[in-house]
Amino acid sequence: MANDRTRRPGTSTRDLAEAAFKSATTKPVDLPPPRPAIPGAKEQVSLRIDRDILDHFQDGGPGWQDRINDALRKAIGK
């Protein structure tokens, strides 16, 4: 009987196990993808571009990715 008085309600091993299972199986809230920590950092993407457009920028030699970026920036007015 002394054990019944000292035992706290809701702290049985079963209750603890159920709480642990619930926290481990609860789906986390979907968060937006993190932004780059460095302002102006470039991000790698996969982009499908028509061959003639890619040839145009690559014909200028190294830096063709920067030229595409500059052309896109100009297209959006920045």
C-alpha atoms as a PDB file:
ATOM      1  CA  MET A   1       0.000   0.000   0.000  1.00  0.00           C
ATOM      2  CA  ALA A   2       2.870   2.384   0.663  1.00  0.00           C
ATOM      3  CA  ASN A   3       3.869   2.076  -3.000  1.00  0.00           C
ATOM      4  CA  ASP A   4       0.438   3.309  -4.114  1.00  0.00           C
ATOM      5  CA  ARG A   5       0.870   6.566  -2.149  1.00  0.00           C
ATOM      6  CA  THR A   6       4.410   7.322  -3.394  1.00  0.00           C
ATOM      7  CA  ARG A   7       3.690   6.527  -7.013  1.00  0.00           C
ATOM      8  CA  ARG A   8       2.871   9.576  -9.096  1.00  0.00           C
ATOM      9  CA  PRO A   9      -0.066   9.304 -11.476  1.00  0.00           C
ATOM     10  CA  GLY A  10       0.726   9.302 -15.200  1.00  0.00           C
ATOM     11  CA  THR A  11       4.356   8.299 -14.843  1.00  0.00           C
ATOM     12  CA  SER A  12       4.138   4.565 -15.401  1.00  0.00           C
ATOM     13  CA  THR A  13       6.607   3.024 -17.788  1.00  0.00           C
ATOM     14  CA  ARG A  14       3.745   2.426 -20.192  1.00  0.00           C
ATOM     15  CA  ASP A  15       2.766   6.124 -20.123  1.00  0.00           C
ATOM     16  CA  LEU A  16       6.391   7.123 -20.677  1.00  0.00           C
ATOM     17  CA  ALA A  17       6.755   4.662 -23.550  1.00  0.00           C
ATOM     18  CA  GLU A  18       3.567   5.897 -25.209  1.00  0.00           C
ATOM     19  CA  ALA A  19       4.708   9.512 -24.885  1.00  0.00           C
ATOM     20  CA  ALA A  20       8.106   8.641 -26.384  1.00  0.00           C
ATOM     21  CA  PHE A  21       6.456   6.748 -29.258  1.00  0.00           C
ATOM     22  CA  LYS A  22       4.074   9.628 -29.954  1.00  0.00           C
ATOM     23  CA  SER A  23       6.886  12.191 -30.069  1.00  0.00           C
ATOM     24  CA  ALA A  24       8.979   9.925 -32.324  1.00  0.00           C
ATOM     25  CA  THR A  25       6.159   9.248 -34.786  1.00  0.00           C
ATOM     26  CA  THR A  26       4.522  12.677 -34.932  1.00  0.00           C
ATOM     27  CA  LYS A  27       5.140  14.307 -38.313  1.00  0.00           C
ATOM     28  CA  PRO A  28       7.055  17.574 -37.895  1.00  0.00           C
ATOM     29  CA  VAL A  29       5.577  20.773 -39.269  1.00  0.00           C
ATOM     30  CA  ASP A  30       6.698  21.408 -42.844  1.00  0.00           C
ATOM     31  CA  LEU A  31       9.027  24.388 -42.823  1.00  0.00           C
ATOM     32  CA  PRO A  32      10.069  26.394 -45.872  1.00  0.00           C
ATOM     33  CA  PRO A  33      13.521  25.532 -47.180  1.00  0.00           C
ATOM     34  CA  PRO A  34      16.277  27.554 -45.505  1.00  0.00           C
ATOM     35  CA  ARG A  35      17.618  30.529 -47.399  1.00  0.00           C
ATOM     36  CA  PRO A  36      21.362  30.854 -47.965  1.00  0.00           C
ATOM     37  CA  ALA A  37      23.111  32.272 -44.901  1.00  0.00           C
ATOM     38  CA  ILE A  38      25.277  34.483 -47.106  1.00  0.00           C
ATOM     39  CA  PRO A  39      23.420  37.303 -48.897  1.00  0.00           C
ATOM     40  CA  GLY A  40      23.821  37.014 -52.654  1.00  0.00           C
ATOM     41  CA  ALA A  41      25.094  33.426 -52.464  1.00  0.00           C
ATOM     42  CA  LYS A  42      24.482  31.400 -55.580  1.00  0.00           C
ATOM     43  CA  GLU A  43      22.358  28.294 -55.468  1.00  0.00           C
ATOM     44  CA  GLN A  44      22.820  25.228 -57.647  1.00  0.00           C
ATOM     45  CA  VAL A  45      19.734  24.329 -59.693  1.00  0.00           C
ATOM     46  CA  SER A  46      18.883  22.109 -62.609  1.00  0.00           C
ATOM     47  CA  LEU A  47      17.503  24.047 -65.558  1.00  0.00           C
ATOM     48  CA  ARG A  48      16.489  22.867 -69.011  1.00  0.00           C
ATOM     49  CA  ILE A  49      17.511  25.371 -71.719  1.00  0.00           C
ATOM     50  CA  ASP A  50      17.138  25.070 -75.485  1.00  0.00           C
ATOM     51  CA  ARG A  51      20.391  24.002 -77.155  1.00  0.00           C
ATOM     52  CA  ASP A  52      20.678  27.139 -79.312  1.00  0.00           C
ATOM     53  CA  ILE A  53      20.390  29.388 -76.249  1.00  0.00           C
ATOM     54  CA  LEU A  54      23.021  27.382 -74.378  1.00  0.00           C
ATOM     55  CA  ASP A  55      25.319  27.437 -77.432  1.00  0.00           C
ATOM     56  CA  HIS A  56      24.953  31.224 -77.648  1.00  0.00           C
ATOM     57  CA  PHE A  57      26.153  31.730 -74.075  1.00  0.00           C
ATOM     58  CA  GLN A  58      28.841  29.019 -74.212  1.00  0.00           C
ATOM     59  CA  ASP A  59      30.310  30.408 -77.456  1.00  0.00           C
ATOM     60  CA  GLY A  60      31.608  33.336 -75.390  1.00  0.00           C
ATOM     61  CA  GLY A  61      33.900  30.993 -73.458  1.00  0.00           C
ATOM     62  CA  PRO A  62      34.284  30.689 -69.701  1.00  0.00           C
ATOM     63  CA  GLY A  63      31.784  32.633 -67.617  1.00  0.00           C
ATOM     64  CA  TRP A  64      28.768  31.519 -69.634  1.00  0.00           C
ATOM     65  CA  GLN A  65      26.800  30.748 -66.458  1.00  0.00           C
ATOM     66  CA  ASP A  66      27.419  34.282 -65.192  1.00  0.00           C
ATOM     67  CA  ARG A  67      26.260  35.663 -68.562  1.00  0.00           C
ATOM     68  CA  ILE A  68      23.037  33.642 -68.322  1.00  0.00           C
ATOM     69  CA  ASN A  69      22.556  34.952 -64.784  1.00  0.00           C
ATOM     70  CA  ASP A  70      23.130  38.546 -65.977  1.00  0.00           C
ATOM     71  CA  ALA A  71      20.651  38.085 -68.847  1.00  0.00           C
ATOM     72  CA  LEU A  72      18.013  36.711 -66.458  1.00  0.00           C
ATOM     73  CA  ARG A  73      18.643  39.567 -64.025  1.00  0.00           C
ATOM     74  CA  LYS A  74      18.184  42.077 -66.882  1.00  0.00           C
ATOM     75  CA  ALA A  75      14.971  40.289 -67.958  1.00  0.00           C
ATOM     76  CA  ILE A  76      13.413  40.798 -64.519  1.00  0.00           C
ATOM     77  CA  GLY A  77      14.518  44.436 -64.365  1.00  0.00           C
ATOM     78  CA  LYS A  78      17.300  44.244 -61.788  1.00  0.00           C
END
